[in-house]
Amino acid sequence: MDSPGLEVLAPTRRAILVALKRTGGATAEELGAGLGITPSAVRQHLQALTAEGLVEHAPDRARAGRPRHRHVLTPAGEAFFPKRYGDLTLELLADAEAEDAGLVDRLFERRRNRRLERTLLRVEGRPLEGRVEELTRVLDEDGYVASCERADDGALRIVEHNCAVLEVARRYGQACSTELEFIRAVLPDAQVERVRHMMAGQSACAYEIRPREREDAPAR
């Protein structure tokens, strides 16, 4: 059975689920500030989403003093976000691997190259920061719920809050390695390092991006 789509939800409830997916959890006050509505209105929507089994409470261990409720997605809430490759894809990849041990590697490489060709056309002629922003939009369109942020030290960071190929990535490491290769190929003049990884148990994948330092001129 296919997962439900966000389009079946009312706009505000859809926005709340997306916000919770992006943040990994938030209070009613934080959600209200981000969405431009009152915490009271947010709580009414959260109550409905909780009753539907899409949202649940989690302890906020990061705050001292009186505990505040943080809200997170349940597995049913997570199901609204695209996991585009399911059992059939895994079955087909297993069959391909059985026929030719190197075929799976070549399939992932072809996928990377197709994405790269399309994305290079969209980022052509832009400075590094503009290419990072456009690449983030591409990843978001691909179902990764991607955002772009700037780290405290000035580095750019792309965060993928959802893995659109999660089940495949759990079985085939090529899904992760070719994702990193894809981002590096779009940004050849930058140093790109994965600093968070869902396969390591973290809630998102994140890629830190810095301009590549020019090599020192050779001594004469």
Protein backbone atom coordinates (compact mmCIF):
# COMPACT_ATOMS: atom_id res chain seq x y z
CA MET A 1 0.00 0.00 0.00
CA ASP A 2 1.29 3.45 -0.90
CA SER A 3 1.97 5.94 1.87
CA PRO A 4 -0.49 8.84 2.21
CA GLY A 5 0.52 12.16 0.72
CA LEU A 6 0.77 15.45 2.58
CA GLU A 7 -1.77 16.90 0.15
CA VAL A 8 -4.58 15.12 2.04
CA LEU A 9 -3.95 17.31 5.11
CA ALA A 10 -5.22 20.81 5.79
CA PRO A 11 -2.53 23.43 5.04
CA THR A 12 -1.68 24.31 8.65
CA ARG A 13 -1.45 20.69 9.76
CA ARG A 14 0.67 19.93 6.72
CA ALA A 15 2.98 22.82 7.64
CA ILE A 16 3.26 21.55 11.22
CA LEU A 17 4.28 18.06 10.07
CA VAL A 18 6.88 19.52 7.69
CA ALA A 19 8.23 21.75 10.48
CA LEU A 20 8.52 18.77 12.83
CA LYS A 21 10.29 16.78 10.13
CA ARG A 22 12.75 19.60 9.51
CA THR A 23 13.51 20.24 13.19
CA GLY A 24 13.30 16.71 14.57
CA GLY A 25 10.94 18.01 17.27
CA ALA A 26 9.64 21.35 18.52
CA THR A 27 7.50 23.00 21.17
CA ALA A 28 4.19 24.68 20.38
CA GLU A 29 5.88 28.05 20.91
CA GLU A 30 8.65 27.23 18.46
CA LEU A 31 6.18 25.97 15.88
CA GLY A 32 4.02 29.07 16.28
CA ALA A 33 7.00 31.38 15.82
CA GLY A 34 8.08 29.53 12.69
CA LEU A 35 4.62 29.38 11.14
CA GLY A 36 3.44 32.83 12.17
CA ILE A 37 0.47 31.64 14.24
CA THR A 38 -0.25 31.65 17.96
CA PRO A 39 0.94 28.81 20.21
CA SER A 40 -2.70 28.33 21.25
CA ALA A 41 -3.71 27.69 17.63
CA VAL A 42 -0.74 25.35 17.19
CA ARG A 43 -1.80 23.35 20.26
CA GLN A 44 -5.27 22.83 18.83
CA HIS A 45 -3.77 21.39 15.65
CA LEU A 46 -1.28 19.31 17.65
CA GLN A 47 -4.11 17.83 19.71
CA ALA A 48 -5.85 16.75 16.51
CA LEU A 49 -2.64 15.36 15.00
CA THR A 50 -1.93 13.49 18.24
CA ALA A 51 -5.44 12.03 18.25
CA GLU A 52 -4.83 10.84 14.69
CA GLY A 53 -1.61 9.15 15.79
CA LEU A 54 0.65 11.37 13.68
CA VAL A 55 2.37 13.31 16.49
CA GLU A 56 3.44 12.42 20.02
CA HIS A 57 5.10 14.10 23.02
CA ALA A 58 8.77 13.73 23.81
CA PRO A 59 10.65 15.01 26.90
CA ASP A 60 12.70 18.14 26.33
CA ARG A 61 15.93 17.16 28.09
CA ALA A 62 17.87 20.14 26.80
CA ARG A 63 16.01 22.69 28.94
CA ALA A 64 16.50 23.29 32.63
CA GLY A 65 13.61 24.10 34.97
CA ARG A 66 10.01 23.26 34.30
CA PRO A 67 9.77 20.62 31.57
CA ARG A 68 8.16 21.63 28.29
CA HIS A 69 6.52 19.32 25.80
CA ARG A 70 8.32 18.79 22.54
CA HIS A 71 6.35 17.27 19.73
CA VAL A 72 7.77 14.72 17.31
CA LEU A 73 6.44 12.65 14.43
CA THR A 74 5.23 9.12 15.06
CA PRO A 75 5.96 6.36 12.52
CA ALA A 76 2.51 7.10 11.05
CA GLY A 77 3.50 10.75 10.71
CA GLU A 78 6.80 9.78 9.10
CA ALA A 79 4.83 7.79 6.52
CA PHE A 80 3.60 11.05 4.98
CA PHE A 81 7.12 11.77 3.75
CA PRO A 82 8.28 10.07 0.58
CA LYS A 83 10.14 6.80 0.79
CA ARG A 84 10.13 6.30 -2.95
CA TYR A 85 11.86 2.97 -3.27
CA GLY A 86 10.24 0.04 -1.50
CA ASP A 87 10.17 -3.70 -1.56
CA LEU A 88 9.98 -3.96 -5.34
CA THR A 89 13.15 -1.90 -5.80
CA LEU A 90 15.02 -4.00 -3.27
CA GLU A 91 13.85 -7.17 -4.99
CA LEU A 92 14.95 -5.93 -8.41
CA LEU A 93 18.34 -4.81 -7.10
CA ALA A 94 18.85 -8.20 -5.47
CA ASP A 95 18.03 -9.89 -8.79
CA ALA A 96 20.46 -7.60 -10.61
CA GLU A 97 23.17 -8.35 -8.07
CA ALA A 98 22.59 -12.08 -8.48
CA GLU A 99 22.98 -11.79 -12.26
CA ASP A 100 26.09 -9.60 -12.17
CA ALA A 101 27.92 -8.56 -9.00
CA GLY A 102 28.97 -5.26 -10.56
CA LEU A 103 25.60 -4.35 -12.07
CA VAL A 104 24.24 -2.69 -8.92
CA ASP A 105 27.26 -0.38 -8.78
CA ARG A 106 26.70 0.59 -12.41
CA LEU A 107 22.99 1.24 -11.82
CA PHE A 108 23.71 3.62 -8.94
CA GLU A 109 26.36 5.32 -11.05
CA ARG A 110 23.88 5.85 -13.87
CA ARG A 111 21.37 7.32 -11.45
CA ARG A 112 24.01 9.70 -10.12
CA ASN A 113 24.99 10.76 -13.63
CA ARG A 114 21.39 11.45 -14.65
CA ARG A 115 20.81 13.61 -11.58
CA LEU A 116 24.13 15.35 -12.14
CA GLU A 117 23.34 16.21 -15.76
CA ARG A 118 20.00 17.76 -14.82
CA THR A 119 21.37 19.63 -11.81
CA LEU A 120 24.41 21.11 -13.59
CA LEU A 121 22.06 22.79 -16.04
CA ARG A 122 20.24 24.46 -13.13
CA VAL A 123 23.34 25.70 -11.29
CA GLU A 124 25.38 26.77 -14.32
CA GLY A 125 26.95 30.22 -14.01
CA ARG A 126 26.10 30.73 -10.33
CA PRO A 127 28.61 31.49 -7.57
CA LEU A 128 29.21 28.78 -4.98
CA GLU A 129 26.56 29.97 -2.52
CA GLY A 130 23.98 30.25 -5.29
CA ARG A 131 24.79 26.74 -6.49
CA VAL A 132 24.43 25.39 -2.95
CA GLU A 133 21.02 27.07 -2.64
CA GLU A 134 19.84 25.69 -5.99
CA LEU A 135 21.22 22.22 -5.18
CA THR A 136 19.23 22.35 -1.94
CA ARG A 137 16.08 23.05 -3.95
CA VAL A 138 16.85 20.08 -6.22
CA LEU A 139 17.28 17.77 -3.22
CA ASP A 140 14.08 19.11 -1.66
CA GLU A 141 12.18 18.42 -4.89
CA ASP A 142 13.62 14.90 -4.88
CA GLY A 143 11.93 14.23 -1.53
CA TYR A 144 14.81 14.81 0.89
CA VAL A 145 13.14 17.71 2.77
CA ALA A 146 16.40 19.60 2.34
CA SER A 147 17.40 22.92 3.87
CA CYS A 148 20.46 25.12 3.62
CA GLU A 149 22.04 26.77 6.64
CA ARG A 150 25.25 28.51 7.59
CA ALA A 151 27.37 27.07 10.39
CA ASP A 152 28.85 29.21 13.17
CA ASP A 153 32.23 29.21 11.43
CA GLY A 154 30.72 30.43 8.14
CA ALA A 155 30.62 27.11 6.31
CA LEU A 156 27.50 26.29 4.32
CA ARG A 157 25.59 23.17 5.24
CA ILE A 158 22.96 21.20 3.34
CA VAL A 159 20.72 19.16 5.65
CA GLU A 160 18.55 16.32 4.34
CA HIS A 161 15.82 15.81 6.93
CA ASN A 162 14.30 12.88 5.05
CA CYS A 163 15.93 10.03 3.12
CA ALA A 164 13.91 9.42 -0.02
CA VAL A 165 15.72 6.08 -0.52
CA LEU A 166 15.95 4.98 3.10
CA GLU A 167 15.08 1.30 2.66
CA VAL A 168 17.48 0.98 -0.27
CA ALA A 169 20.25 2.78 1.64
CA ARG A 170 19.91 0.33 4.52
CA ARG A 171 20.72 -2.54 2.17
CA TYR A 172 23.00 -0.90 -0.39
CA GLY A 173 25.74 1.46 0.74
CA GLN A 174 26.08 2.67 -2.84
CA ALA A 175 22.99 4.83 -2.28
CA CYS A 176 24.89 6.87 0.30
CA SER A 177 28.27 6.93 -1.42
CA THR A 178 26.81 8.05 -4.76
CA GLU A 179 24.80 10.79 -2.98
CA LEU A 180 28.04 12.23 -1.62
CA GLU A 181 29.71 11.86 -5.04
CA PHE A 182 26.74 13.65 -6.65
CA ILE A 183 26.97 16.65 -4.32
CA ARG A 184 30.74 16.86 -4.77
CA ALA A 185 30.37 16.73 -8.55
CA VAL A 186 27.85 19.60 -8.51
CA LEU A 187 30.28 21.64 -6.38
CA PRO A 188 33.74 20.74 -7.77
CA ASP A 189 35.34 23.91 -6.40
CA ALA A 190 34.27 23.11 -2.83
CA GLN A 191 35.29 20.72 -0.10
CA VAL A 192 32.22 18.65 0.79
CA GLU A 193 32.13 16.42 3.87
CA ARG A 194 29.24 14.46 5.31
CA VAL A 195 29.00 15.48 8.97
CA ARG A 196 25.73 13.76 9.93
CA HIS A 197 24.40 10.47 8.63
CA MET A 198 21.09 8.70 9.12
CA MET A 199 22.81 5.34 8.67
CA ALA A 200 24.83 6.20 11.79
CA GLY A 201 21.61 6.63 13.76
CA GLN A 202 21.29 10.40 13.40
CA SER A 203 18.02 12.12 12.51
CA ALA A 204 19.31 13.71 9.29
CA CYS A 205 22.13 13.66 6.78
CA ALA A 206 24.17 16.85 6.60
CA TYR A 207 26.92 17.97 4.25
CA GLU A 208 29.37 20.72 5.19
CA ILE A 209 30.58 22.81 2.27
CA ARG A 210 33.63 25.07 2.17
CA PRO A 211 35.37 26.80 -0.74
CA ARG A 212 38.31 24.71 -1.84
CA GLU A 213 41.59 26.36 -0.93
CA ARG A 214 43.89 27.09 -3.82
CA GLU A 215 47.02 25.02 -3.89
CA ASP A 216 50.14 26.92 -2.99
CA ALA A 217 52.13 27.98 -5.98
CA PRO A 218 55.19 25.74 -6.50
CA ALA A 219 58.45 27.18 -5.28
CA ARG A 220 60.77 28.43 -7.98
